[in-house]
Each structure stands twice: as structure tokens, then as C-alpha cells.
């Protein structure tokens, strides 16, 4: 994701943003990657302060977000932190506290919420939502992130569900295919107190990638989002397709820094999304 952020900044914000430097897992790694990408680099996180940067993007593995983000935020550096914001609620609290002390900003990197299809969906929906079904798969069957399939994949769809339905849940359950581990598969059923039903599936498997969501609203409109194409259909008619979700996210981050506005996905919403992930993970058997 760090390389994707860098590419998007260079291609779309070259007149606004200067790359102050990158930092990876070690000074040697940082120097090597910086040479490959033709950017400056930092040798240690303690070298990063407001005299050198105006903002930072934390695109490291999820379990490191709280520790890295806390150090930057305490120095007053606005941070865009990739999803999940942290992997524990305690980590989220540390980030919120650090942002308050440093009088800084956190934007949560829930990129699908910036998807043009999702933005248009919210304009077209007749609330309340009646049902949501989503499938999200990845060809990478090996867990390289250190977090569950719920926090790695399903969290994208849970973030959209949360933005539409909140967390007023009546019941929830989680299951999986018997031939797969919890690390690679989860199917979640959620029933909301207002009667809305949600079914989400996340899968790591060597197969063709699927990423879609179907939504039915109170007027029986049927919406279909193809996340790969960023396409939204309403009752079979294409309303929008294409666009750049990450560009929208970075534009929001830059706008918040410049204007002091609130982000589309703020820290408290991201914390609630993580809490929902953790609630679902608690239903997974060993």
C-alpha cells in the first residue's frame, strides 16, 4: 500500500505534495527502497518531526499501526493510517490520546468508503437499508499481514455496512467452510435491530478474485457494486464506473490538513469498525 500511495501522490498531487522521505523496516531496507523509488528516506522514526514533514502515511502491517502512529501523532504530525486503524481497541485509544496531546489529525484509510460507486450509492439509496450481501476474495492464500481474514479483507465491507447501518446489532454469527481455516475464510450473518440483514464473506484462496456488494433499500431498489471496476448498478442500470478510490482518500487527507475539516472516515468511526471486527472474531472457533 505504501507504494500505491506514493504512485498516486506522484501522479495526481505533484503540484501539491513533496515526498519528504520513506521509512521501512530497517535503515538498509529504507535506503534500498528509496534508491529504487527515487525518493529520500529516513533511517529512524525518531528522525521524523514537524521540521521535516507536514504529514505522514502509515502503511505498515496492522499490528504496528498503534505504536508507529502514536509516536508521529505525539509530535503533532497528521497521519493517514491504513486499515485497520489498530488491531486492538487499546491501540485505538492510544492513537486518539496521542492525537489529542499532539493536537493532530487522524484519517483512517478505509479506501472503499472513498470508492466513487460507494459515494454514489449513498446518494441514491432510499433508507432504511433492507439487506446487504457482499463477497470479497484474495488470491493470496498465505497470511502475510498477521491479522485475520476479517480484519484484512472483510473490514472493507464492514466499514461500508457500518456507514449505512451503524452498530445497532441484534444478533451475529460467523461460520466457515470445513476445508478451510479461520485464517482464510469467514462468513458472517448479522441481523440489525431495525430488521436489516447482512451477509458477508471473506476468502483467501487461489482462485479468480471476486469483490462485490448487493444492497436492497426500502423501495426495493437493487444496487450492485463491482469493486474491481468501481461500478454501481441500480436495478441493472449503470450509474457510475471507474475513478480512483485512493486518489479520493488522499485528496480528503490533504484537504483536512489544509482546511481543518473533518475526514470522511474519522478515528472514532474506525474504532467502531474495529470493535465490530473483534466482536465477529470472538465467534470464531480455534
C-alpha atoms as a PDB file:
ATOM      1  CA  UNK A   1       0.000   0.000   0.000  1.00  0.00           C
ATOM      2  CA  UNK A   2       2.900   2.349   0.643  1.00  0.00           C
ATOM      3  CA  UNK A   3       3.979   2.044  -2.995  1.00  0.00           C
ATOM      4  CA  UNK A   4       0.387   2.627  -4.139  1.00  0.00           C
ATOM      5  CA  UNK A   5       0.190   5.790  -2.023  1.00  0.00           C
ATOM      6  CA  UNK A   6       3.498   7.021  -3.445  1.00  0.00           C
ATOM      7  CA  UNK A   7       2.422   6.324  -7.034  1.00  0.00           C
ATOM      8  CA  UNK A   8      -0.927   8.086  -6.552  1.00  0.00           C
ATOM      9  CA  UNK A   9       0.700  11.116  -4.914  1.00  0.00           C
ATOM     10  CA  UNK A  10       3.213  11.439  -7.735  1.00  0.00           C
ATOM     11  CA  UNK A  11       0.632  11.058 -10.489  1.00  0.00           C
ATOM     12  CA  UNK A  12      -2.127  13.236  -9.036  1.00  0.00           C
ATOM     13  CA  UNK A  13      -0.662  15.604  -6.437  1.00  0.00           C
ATOM     14  CA  UNK A  14       2.780  16.511  -7.780  1.00  0.00           C
ATOM     15  CA  UNK A  15       1.912  20.231  -7.679  1.00  0.00           C
ATOM     16  CA  UNK A  16       0.714  19.974  -4.064  1.00  0.00           C
ATOM     17  CA  UNK A  17       2.785  17.340  -2.310  1.00  0.00           C
ATOM     18  CA  UNK A  18       6.521  16.775  -1.982  1.00  0.00           C
ATOM     19  CA  UNK A  19       7.753  13.375  -0.806  1.00  0.00           C
ATOM     20  CA  UNK A  20       9.889  14.132   2.255  1.00  0.00           C
ATOM     21  CA  UNK A  21      11.036  10.531   2.638  1.00  0.00           C
ATOM     22  CA  UNK A  22      10.117   6.923   3.287  1.00  0.00           C
ATOM     23  CA  UNK A  23      10.864   4.641   6.220  1.00  0.00           C
ATOM     24  CA  UNK A  24      10.696   0.861   6.095  1.00  0.00           C
ATOM     25  CA  UNK A  25      11.690  -1.922   8.480  1.00  0.00           C
ATOM     26  CA  UNK A  26      15.408  -1.066   8.674  1.00  0.00           C
ATOM     27  CA  UNK A  27      17.858   1.645   7.578  1.00  0.00           C
ATOM     28  CA  UNK A  28      19.288  -0.720   4.957  1.00  0.00           C
ATOM     29  CA  UNK A  29      15.841  -1.559   3.606  1.00  0.00           C
ATOM     30  CA  UNK A  30      14.848   2.123   3.597  1.00  0.00           C
ATOM     31  CA  UNK A  31      17.983   3.088   1.652  1.00  0.00           C
ATOM     32  CA  UNK A  32      17.474   0.310  -0.880  1.00  0.00           C
ATOM     33  CA  UNK A  33      13.788   1.053  -1.476  1.00  0.00           C
ATOM     34  CA  UNK A  34      14.419   4.806  -1.610  1.00  0.00           C
ATOM     35  CA  UNK A  35      17.011   4.265  -4.359  1.00  0.00           C
ATOM     36  CA  UNK A  36      14.581   2.083  -6.299  1.00  0.00           C
ATOM     37  CA  UNK A  37      11.767   4.630  -5.947  1.00  0.00           C
ATOM     38  CA  UNK A  38      13.981   7.723  -6.325  1.00  0.00           C
ATOM     39  CA  UNK A  39      12.850   9.337  -3.068  1.00  0.00           C
ATOM     40  CA  UNK A  40      14.620  10.468   0.134  1.00  0.00           C
ATOM     41  CA  UNK A  41      14.471   8.248   3.214  1.00  0.00           C
ATOM     42  CA  UNK A  42      14.626   8.337   6.997  1.00  0.00           C
ATOM     43  CA  UNK A  43      16.786   5.940   8.989  1.00  0.00           C
ATOM     44  CA  UNK A  44      14.686   6.035  12.166  1.00  0.00           C
ATOM     45  CA  UNK A  45      11.188   7.100  13.159  1.00  0.00           C
ATOM     46  CA  UNK A  46      12.695   9.395  15.801  1.00  0.00           C
ATOM     47  CA  UNK A  47      14.131  11.484  12.946  1.00  0.00           C
ATOM     48  CA  UNK A  48      10.634  12.365  11.708  1.00  0.00           C
ATOM     49  CA  UNK A  49       9.229  15.588  13.145  1.00  0.00           C
ATOM     50  CA  UNK A  50       7.324  18.685  12.071  1.00  0.00           C
ATOM     51  CA  UNK A  51      10.529  20.419  10.990  1.00  0.00           C
ATOM     52  CA  UNK A  52      10.884  17.803   8.239  1.00  0.00           C
ATOM     53  CA  UNK A  53       7.317  16.746   7.329  1.00  0.00           C
ATOM     54  CA  UNK A  54       3.791  18.161   7.330  1.00  0.00           C
ATOM     55  CA  UNK A  55       2.034  14.778   7.306  1.00  0.00           C
ATOM     56  CA  UNK A  56       2.681  11.042   7.306  1.00  0.00           C
ATOM     57  CA  UNK A  57       1.075   7.945   5.816  1.00  0.00           C
ATOM     58  CA  UNK A  58       1.309   4.796   7.939  1.00  0.00           C
ATOM     59  CA  UNK A  59       1.084   1.845   5.526  1.00  0.00           C
ATOM     60  CA  UNK A  60       2.785  -0.798   7.657  1.00  0.00           C
ATOM     61  CA  UNK A  61       1.379  -4.151   8.880  1.00  0.00           C
ATOM     62  CA  UNK A  62      -1.740  -3.696  11.042  1.00  0.00           C
ATOM     63  CA  UNK A  63      -0.187  -4.794  14.364  1.00  0.00           C
ATOM     64  CA  UNK A  64       2.354  -1.924  14.119  1.00  0.00           C
ATOM     65  CA  UNK A  65      -0.115   0.899  13.439  1.00  0.00           C
ATOM     66  CA  UNK A  66      -0.715   1.923  17.048  1.00  0.00           C
ATOM     67  CA  UNK A  67       2.955   2.096  18.019  1.00  0.00           C
ATOM     68  CA  UNK A  68       4.080   3.976  14.902  1.00  0.00           C
ATOM     69  CA  UNK A  69       1.045   6.262  14.747  1.00  0.00           C
ATOM     70  CA  UNK A  70       1.337   7.190  18.414  1.00  0.00           C
ATOM     71  CA  UNK A  71       4.952   8.362  18.001  1.00  0.00           C
ATOM     72  CA  UNK A  72       4.096  10.530  15.000  1.00  0.00           C
ATOM     73  CA  UNK A  73       0.878  11.989  16.417  1.00  0.00           C
ATOM     74  CA  UNK A  74       2.559  12.976  19.692  1.00  0.00           C
ATOM     75  CA  UNK A  75       4.874  15.160  17.570  1.00  0.00           C
ATOM     76  CA  UNK A  76       1.871  16.897  16.032  1.00  0.00           C
ATOM     77  CA  UNK A  77       2.164  15.145  12.665  1.00  0.00           C
ATOM     78  CA  UNK A  78      -1.178  14.468  10.924  1.00  0.00           C
ATOM     79  CA  UNK A  79      -1.430  10.801   9.959  1.00  0.00           C
ATOM     80  CA  UNK A  80      -3.335   8.799   7.401  1.00  0.00           C
ATOM     81  CA  UNK A  81      -3.296   5.332   8.949  1.00  0.00           C
ATOM     82  CA  UNK A  82      -4.169   2.350   6.776  1.00  0.00           C
ATOM     83  CA  UNK A  83      -6.914  -0.019   7.861  1.00  0.00           C
ATOM     84  CA  UNK A  84      -7.281  -1.416  10.414  1.00  0.00           C
ATOM     85  CA  UNK A  85      -6.601   1.714  12.460  1.00  0.00           C
ATOM     86  CA  UNK A  86      -5.140  -0.643  15.071  1.00  0.00           C
ATOM     87  CA  UNK A  87      -5.649  -4.310  15.833  1.00  0.00           C
ATOM     88  CA  UNK A  88      -6.901  -3.736  19.402  1.00  0.00           C
ATOM     89  CA  UNK A  89      -9.252  -1.227  20.978  1.00  0.00           C
ATOM     90  CA  UNK A  90      -6.453  -0.286  23.370  1.00  0.00           C
ATOM     91  CA  UNK A  91      -4.340   0.598  20.345  1.00  0.00           C
ATOM     92  CA  UNK A  92      -7.125   2.823  19.017  1.00  0.00           C
ATOM     93  CA  UNK A  93      -7.340   4.576  22.393  1.00  0.00           C
ATOM     94  CA  UNK A  94      -3.588   5.237  22.327  1.00  0.00           C
ATOM     95  CA  UNK A  95      -3.891   6.832  18.893  1.00  0.00           C
ATOM     96  CA  UNK A  96      -6.837   9.000  19.944  1.00  0.00           C
ATOM     97  CA  UNK A  97      -4.958  10.123  23.067  1.00  0.00           C
ATOM     98  CA  UNK A  98      -1.779  10.859  21.104  1.00  0.00           C
ATOM     99  CA  UNK A  99      -3.717  12.918  18.547  1.00  0.00           C
ATOM    100  CA  UNK A 100      -5.276  14.933  21.352  1.00  0.00           C
ATOM    101  CA  UNK A 101      -1.956  15.573  23.064  1.00  0.00           C
ATOM    102  CA  UNK A 102      -0.227  16.439  19.797  1.00  0.00           C
ATOM    103  CA  UNK A 103      -3.243  18.448  18.593  1.00  0.00           C
ATOM    104  CA  UNK A 104      -3.059  16.455  15.405  1.00  0.00           C
ATOM    105  CA  UNK A 105      -5.278  14.671  12.913  1.00  0.00           C
ATOM    106  CA  UNK A 106      -6.009  11.039  12.104  1.00  0.00           C
ATOM    107  CA  UNK A 107      -7.596   9.941   8.843  1.00  0.00           C
ATOM    108  CA  UNK A 108      -8.486   6.244   8.718  1.00  0.00           C
ATOM    109  CA  UNK A 109      -7.547   4.533   5.461  1.00  0.00           C
ATOM    110  CA  UNK A 110     -10.840   2.793   4.701  1.00  0.00           C
ATOM    111  CA  UNK A 111     -10.326   3.201   0.966  1.00  0.00           C
ATOM    112  CA  UNK A 112     -13.570   1.558  -0.181  1.00  0.00           C
ATOM    113  CA  UNK A 113     -15.559   4.282   1.575  1.00  0.00           C
ATOM    114  CA  UNK A 114     -13.938   6.646  -0.943  1.00  0.00           C
ATOM    115  CA  UNK A 115     -14.906   4.408  -3.856  1.00  0.00           C
ATOM    116  CA  UNK A 116     -16.955   6.506  -6.346  1.00  0.00           C
ATOM    117  CA  UNK A 117     -19.511   3.681  -6.526  1.00  0.00           C
ATOM    118  CA  UNK A 118     -19.997   3.731  -2.750  1.00  0.00           C
ATOM    119  CA  UNK A 119     -20.281   7.521  -2.673  1.00  0.00           C
ATOM    120  CA  UNK A 120     -22.945   7.440  -5.417  1.00  0.00           C
ATOM    121  CA  UNK A 121     -24.737   4.560  -3.680  1.00  0.00           C
ATOM    122  CA  UNK A 122     -25.284   6.727  -0.607  1.00  0.00           C
ATOM    123  CA  UNK A 123     -26.771   9.448  -2.794  1.00  0.00           C
ATOM    124  CA  UNK A 124     -29.204   7.041  -4.467  1.00  0.00           C
ATOM    125  CA  UNK A 125     -30.286   4.830  -1.555  1.00  0.00           C
ATOM    126  CA  UNK A 126     -33.748   5.215  -0.079  1.00  0.00           C
ATOM    127  CA  UNK A 127     -33.169   4.467   3.580  1.00  0.00           C
ATOM    128  CA  UNK A 128     -33.525   2.299   5.521  1.00  0.00           C
ATOM    129  CA  UNK A 129     -31.469  -0.495   4.003  1.00  0.00           C
ATOM    130  CA  UNK A 130     -33.267  -3.855   3.942  1.00  0.00           C
ATOM    131  CA  UNK A 131     -30.398  -6.212   3.113  1.00  0.00           C
ATOM    132  CA  UNK A 132     -26.721  -6.324   2.165  1.00  0.00           C
ATOM    133  CA  UNK A 133     -24.725  -9.207   0.737  1.00  0.00           C
ATOM    134  CA  UNK A 134     -21.028  -8.982  -0.111  1.00  0.00           C
ATOM    135  CA  UNK A 135     -18.210 -11.279  -1.200  1.00  0.00           C
ATOM    136  CA  UNK A 136     -14.529 -10.313  -1.112  1.00  0.00           C
ATOM    137  CA  UNK A 137     -11.754 -12.722  -2.062  1.00  0.00           C
ATOM    138  CA  UNK A 138      -7.985 -12.616  -2.441  1.00  0.00           C
ATOM    139  CA  UNK A 139      -5.724 -14.895  -4.463  1.00  0.00           C
ATOM    140  CA  UNK A 140      -3.079 -14.684  -1.748  1.00  0.00           C
ATOM    141  CA  UNK A 141      -3.871 -17.720   0.395  1.00  0.00           C
ATOM    142  CA  UNK A 142      -0.891 -17.027   2.655  1.00  0.00           C
ATOM    143  CA  UNK A 143      -1.470 -14.675   5.566  1.00  0.00           C
ATOM    144  CA  UNK A 144       1.392 -12.171   5.368  1.00  0.00           C
ATOM    145  CA  UNK A 145      -0.249  -9.464   7.453  1.00  0.00           C
ATOM    146  CA  UNK A 146      -0.508 -11.102  10.865  1.00  0.00           C
ATOM    147  CA  UNK A 147      -4.225 -10.332  11.123  1.00  0.00           C
ATOM    148  CA  UNK A 148      -7.369 -12.354  10.445  1.00  0.00           C
ATOM    149  CA  UNK A 149      -9.308 -12.530   7.193  1.00  0.00           C
ATOM    150  CA  UNK A 150     -11.970 -10.422   8.925  1.00  0.00           C
ATOM    151  CA  UNK A 151      -9.574  -7.550   9.666  1.00  0.00           C
ATOM    152  CA  UNK A 152      -7.672  -7.931   6.398  1.00  0.00           C
ATOM    153  CA  UNK A 153     -10.467  -8.393   3.842  1.00  0.00           C
ATOM    154  CA  UNK A 154     -13.938  -8.257   5.362  1.00  0.00           C
ATOM    155  CA  UNK A 155     -13.185  -4.981   7.132  1.00  0.00           C
ATOM    156  CA  UNK A 156     -13.622  -3.135   3.804  1.00  0.00           C
ATOM    157  CA  UNK A 157     -17.231  -4.292   3.566  1.00  0.00           C
ATOM    158  CA  UNK A 158     -17.863  -3.907   7.294  1.00  0.00           C
ATOM    159  CA  UNK A 159     -16.778  -0.271   7.009  1.00  0.00           C
ATOM    160  CA  UNK A 160     -19.417   0.326   4.331  1.00  0.00           C
ATOM    161  CA  UNK A 161     -22.040  -1.588   6.326  1.00  0.00           C
ATOM    162  CA  UNK A 162     -21.211   0.470   9.420  1.00  0.00           C
ATOM    163  CA  UNK A 163     -21.560   3.728   7.479  1.00  0.00           C
ATOM    164  CA  UNK A 164     -25.049   2.637   6.362  1.00  0.00           C
ATOM    165  CA  UNK A 165     -26.366   0.789   9.425  1.00  0.00           C
ATOM    166  CA  UNK A 166     -24.168   1.679  12.400  1.00  0.00           C
ATOM    167  CA  UNK A 167     -23.611  -0.911  15.118  1.00  0.00           C
ATOM    168  CA  UNK A 168     -27.148  -1.364  16.465  1.00  0.00           C
ATOM    169  CA  UNK A 169     -26.878  -5.137  16.049  1.00  0.00           C
ATOM    170  CA  UNK A 170     -29.424  -7.633  17.320  1.00  0.00           C
ATOM    171  CA  UNK A 171     -27.570 -10.880  16.518  1.00  0.00           C
ATOM    172  CA  UNK A 172     -24.466 -12.016  14.656  1.00  0.00           C
ATOM    173  CA  UNK A 173     -22.849 -15.328  13.769  1.00  0.00           C
ATOM    174  CA  UNK A 174     -19.711 -16.404  11.949  1.00  0.00           C
ATOM    175  CA  UNK A 175     -19.013 -19.642  10.059  1.00  0.00           C
ATOM    176  CA  UNK A 176     -16.576 -21.032   7.503  1.00  0.00           C
ATOM    177  CA  UNK A 177     -16.038 -23.808   5.008  1.00  0.00           C
ATOM    178  CA  UNK A 178     -14.956 -27.006   6.803  1.00  0.00           C
ATOM    179  CA  UNK A 179     -11.973 -27.479   4.489  1.00  0.00           C
ATOM    180  CA  UNK A 180     -10.513 -24.031   5.263  1.00  0.00           C
ATOM    181  CA  UNK A 181      -9.037 -22.440   8.365  1.00  0.00           C
ATOM    182  CA  UNK A 182     -10.417 -19.344  10.083  1.00  0.00           C
ATOM    183  CA  UNK A 183      -7.295 -17.598   8.861  1.00  0.00           C
ATOM    184  CA  UNK A 184      -8.516 -17.930   5.273  1.00  0.00           C
ATOM    185  CA  UNK A 185     -12.310 -17.935   5.376  1.00  0.00           C
ATOM    186  CA  UNK A 186     -15.207 -16.380   7.242  1.00  0.00           C
ATOM    187  CA  UNK A 187     -18.913 -15.980   6.500  1.00  0.00           C
ATOM    188  CA  UNK A 188     -20.766 -13.541   8.711  1.00  0.00           C
ATOM    189  CA  UNK A 189     -24.516 -13.131   9.211  1.00  0.00           C
ATOM    190  CA  UNK A 190     -25.704 -10.001  11.014  1.00  0.00           C
ATOM    191  CA  UNK A 191     -29.235  -9.015  11.953  1.00  0.00           C
ATOM    192  CA  UNK A 192     -29.838  -5.401  12.946  1.00  0.00           C
ATOM    193  CA  UNK A 193     -32.446  -4.254  15.420  1.00  0.00           C
ATOM    194  CA  UNK A 194     -34.244  -2.354  12.657  1.00  0.00           C
ATOM    195  CA  UNK A 195     -34.655  -5.645  10.757  1.00  0.00           C
ATOM    196  CA  UNK A 196     -31.877  -5.205   8.197  1.00  0.00           C
ATOM    197  CA  UNK A 197     -29.947  -8.361   7.335  1.00  0.00           C
ATOM    198  CA  UNK A 198     -26.302  -8.543   6.283  1.00  0.00           C
ATOM    199  CA  UNK A 199     -24.273 -11.466   4.923  1.00  0.00           C
ATOM    200  CA  UNK A 200     -20.562 -11.019   4.224  1.00  0.00           C
ATOM    201  CA  UNK A 201     -17.954 -13.494   3.022  1.00  0.00           C
ATOM    202  CA  UNK A 202     -14.175 -13.070   3.021  1.00  0.00           C
ATOM    203  CA  UNK A 203     -11.916 -15.683   1.451  1.00  0.00           C
ATOM    204  CA  UNK A 204      -8.212 -16.203   0.832  1.00  0.00           C
ATOM    205  CA  UNK A 205      -7.861 -18.834  -1.884  1.00  0.00           C
ATOM    206  CA  UNK A 206      -6.034 -19.378  -5.168  1.00  0.00           C
ATOM    207  CA  UNK A 207      -8.997 -18.643  -7.457  1.00  0.00           C
ATOM    208  CA  UNK A 208     -10.450 -15.830  -9.538  1.00  0.00           C
ATOM    209  CA  UNK A 209     -10.941 -12.712  -7.446  1.00  0.00           C
ATOM    210  CA  UNK A 210     -14.499 -11.626  -6.611  1.00  0.00           C
ATOM    211  CA  UNK A 211     -15.345  -8.356  -4.902  1.00  0.00           C
ATOM    212  CA  UNK A 212     -18.950  -7.201  -4.987  1.00  0.00           C
ATOM    213  CA  UNK A 213     -21.817  -5.997  -2.819  1.00  0.00           C
ATOM    214  CA  UNK A 214     -25.591  -6.181  -3.365  1.00  0.00           C
ATOM    215  CA  UNK A 215     -27.880  -3.814  -1.458  1.00  0.00           C
ATOM    216  CA  UNK A 216     -31.684  -3.625  -1.353  1.00  0.00           C
ATOM    217  CA  UNK A 217     -33.336  -0.500   0.037  1.00  0.00           C
ATOM    218  CA  UNK A 218     -36.805   0.193   1.453  1.00  0.00           C
ATOM    219  CA  UNK A 219     -38.191   0.980  -2.029  1.00  0.00           C
ATOM    220  CA  UNK A 220     -36.995  -2.426  -3.315  1.00  0.00           C
ATOM    221  CA  UNK A 221     -34.254  -0.845  -5.412  1.00  0.00           C
ATOM    222  CA  UNK A 222     -31.472  -3.354  -6.069  1.00  0.00           C
ATOM    223  CA  UNK A 223     -27.954  -1.955  -6.135  1.00  0.00           C
ATOM    224  CA  UNK A 224     -24.866  -3.860  -7.235  1.00  0.00           C
ATOM    225  CA  UNK A 225     -21.296  -2.657  -6.652  1.00  0.00           C
ATOM    226  CA  UNK A 226     -18.428  -4.192  -8.618  1.00  0.00           C
ATOM    227  CA  UNK A 227     -15.464  -3.076  -6.520  1.00  0.00           C
ATOM    228  CA  UNK A 228     -12.906  -4.165  -9.105  1.00  0.00           C
ATOM    229  CA  UNK A 229     -14.394  -1.819 -11.722  1.00  0.00           C
ATOM    230  CA  UNK A 230     -15.722   0.726  -9.191  1.00  0.00           C
ATOM    231  CA  UNK A 231     -19.070   0.287 -10.949  1.00  0.00           C
ATOM    232  CA  UNK A 232     -22.523   0.894  -9.431  1.00  0.00           C
ATOM    233  CA  UNK A 233     -25.709  -0.519 -10.941  1.00  0.00           C
ATOM    234  CA  UNK A 234     -29.227   0.390  -9.831  1.00  0.00           C
ATOM    235  CA  UNK A 235     -31.883  -2.079 -10.961  1.00  0.00           C
ATOM    236  CA  UNK A 236     -29.489  -3.219 -13.696  1.00  0.00           C
ATOM    237  CA  UNK A 237     -28.670   0.291 -14.973  1.00  0.00           C
ATOM    238  CA  UNK A 238     -25.090   1.561 -14.687  1.00  0.00           C
ATOM    239  CA  UNK A 239     -24.938   4.761 -12.645  1.00  0.00           C
ATOM    240  CA  UNK A 240     -21.173   5.158 -12.360  1.00  0.00           C
ATOM    241  CA  UNK A 241     -17.953   3.311 -13.071  1.00  0.00           C
ATOM    242  CA  UNK A 242     -14.234   3.977 -12.873  1.00  0.00           C
ATOM    243  CA  UNK A 243     -12.491   6.575 -10.780  1.00  0.00           C
ATOM    244  CA  UNK A 244      -9.707   6.297  -8.220  1.00  0.00           C
ATOM    245  CA  UNK A 245     -10.621   5.484  -4.608  1.00  0.00           C
ATOM    246  CA  UNK A 246      -7.114   6.027  -3.260  1.00  0.00           C
ATOM    247  CA  UNK A 247      -6.848   9.379  -5.005  1.00  0.00           C
ATOM    248  CA  UNK A 248     -10.117  10.427  -3.338  1.00  0.00           C
ATOM    249  CA  UNK A 249      -8.796   9.282   0.041  1.00  0.00           C
ATOM    250  CA  UNK A 250      -5.535  11.201  -0.332  1.00  0.00           C
ATOM    251  CA  UNK A 251      -7.406  14.299  -1.530  1.00  0.00           C
ATOM    252  CA  UNK A 252      -9.520  14.113   1.627  1.00  0.00           C
ATOM    253  CA  UNK A 253      -6.388  13.788   3.788  1.00  0.00           C
ATOM    254  CA  UNK A 254      -4.746  16.803   2.139  1.00  0.00           C
ATOM    255  CA  UNK A 255      -7.944  18.844   2.381  1.00  0.00           C
ATOM    256  CA  UNK A 256      -8.295  18.062   6.091  1.00  0.00           C
ATOM    257  CA  UNK A 257      -4.710  19.188   6.745  1.00  0.00           C
ATOM    258  CA  UNK A 258      -5.093  22.406   4.781  1.00  0.00           C
ATOM    259  CA  UNK A 259      -8.610  23.412   5.804  1.00  0.00           C
ATOM    260  CA  UNK A 260      -9.023  21.776   9.208  1.00  0.00           C
ATOM    261  CA  UNK A 261     -12.118  19.904   8.018  1.00  0.00           C
ATOM    262  CA  UNK A 262     -13.256  16.515   9.312  1.00  0.00           C
ATOM    263  CA  UNK A 263     -12.336  13.399   7.302  1.00  0.00           C
ATOM    264  CA  UNK A 264     -14.838  11.139   5.604  1.00  0.00           C
ATOM    265  CA  UNK A 265     -13.763   8.311   7.921  1.00  0.00           C
ATOM    266  CA  UNK A 266     -12.585   9.594  11.275  1.00  0.00           C
ATOM    267  CA  UNK A 267     -10.875   7.908  14.167  1.00  0.00           C
ATOM    268  CA  UNK A 268     -13.997   7.183  16.206  1.00  0.00           C
ATOM    269  CA  UNK A 269     -15.781   5.555  13.269  1.00  0.00           C
ATOM    270  CA  UNK A 270     -12.667   3.484  12.525  1.00  0.00           C
ATOM    271  CA  UNK A 271     -12.561   2.405  16.181  1.00  0.00           C
ATOM    272  CA  UNK A 272     -16.179   1.255  15.994  1.00  0.00           C
ATOM    273  CA  UNK A 273     -15.439  -0.658  12.778  1.00  0.00           C
ATOM    274  CA  UNK A 274     -12.573  -2.440  14.535  1.00  0.00           C
ATOM    275  CA  UNK A 275     -14.845  -3.201  17.507  1.00  0.00           C
ATOM    276  CA  UNK A 276     -17.269  -4.839  15.076  1.00  0.00           C
ATOM    277  CA  UNK A 277     -14.415  -6.918  13.616  1.00  0.00           C
ATOM    278  CA  UNK A 278     -13.330  -8.013  17.078  1.00  0.00           C
ATOM    279  CA  UNK A 279     -16.912  -8.914  18.007  1.00  0.00           C
ATOM    280  CA  UNK A 280     -17.135 -11.155  14.968  1.00  0.00           C
ATOM    281  CA  UNK A 281     -13.702 -12.666  15.554  1.00  0.00           C
ATOM    282  CA  UNK A 282     -14.743 -13.624  19.064  1.00  0.00           C
ATOM    283  CA  UNK A 283     -17.229 -16.043  17.491  1.00  0.00           C
ATOM    284  CA  UNK A 284     -14.524 -17.918  15.616  1.00  0.00           C
ATOM    285  CA  UNK A 285     -13.621 -21.346  16.982  1.00  0.00           C
ATOM    286  CA  UNK A 286      -9.992 -22.365  17.292  1.00  0.00           C
END
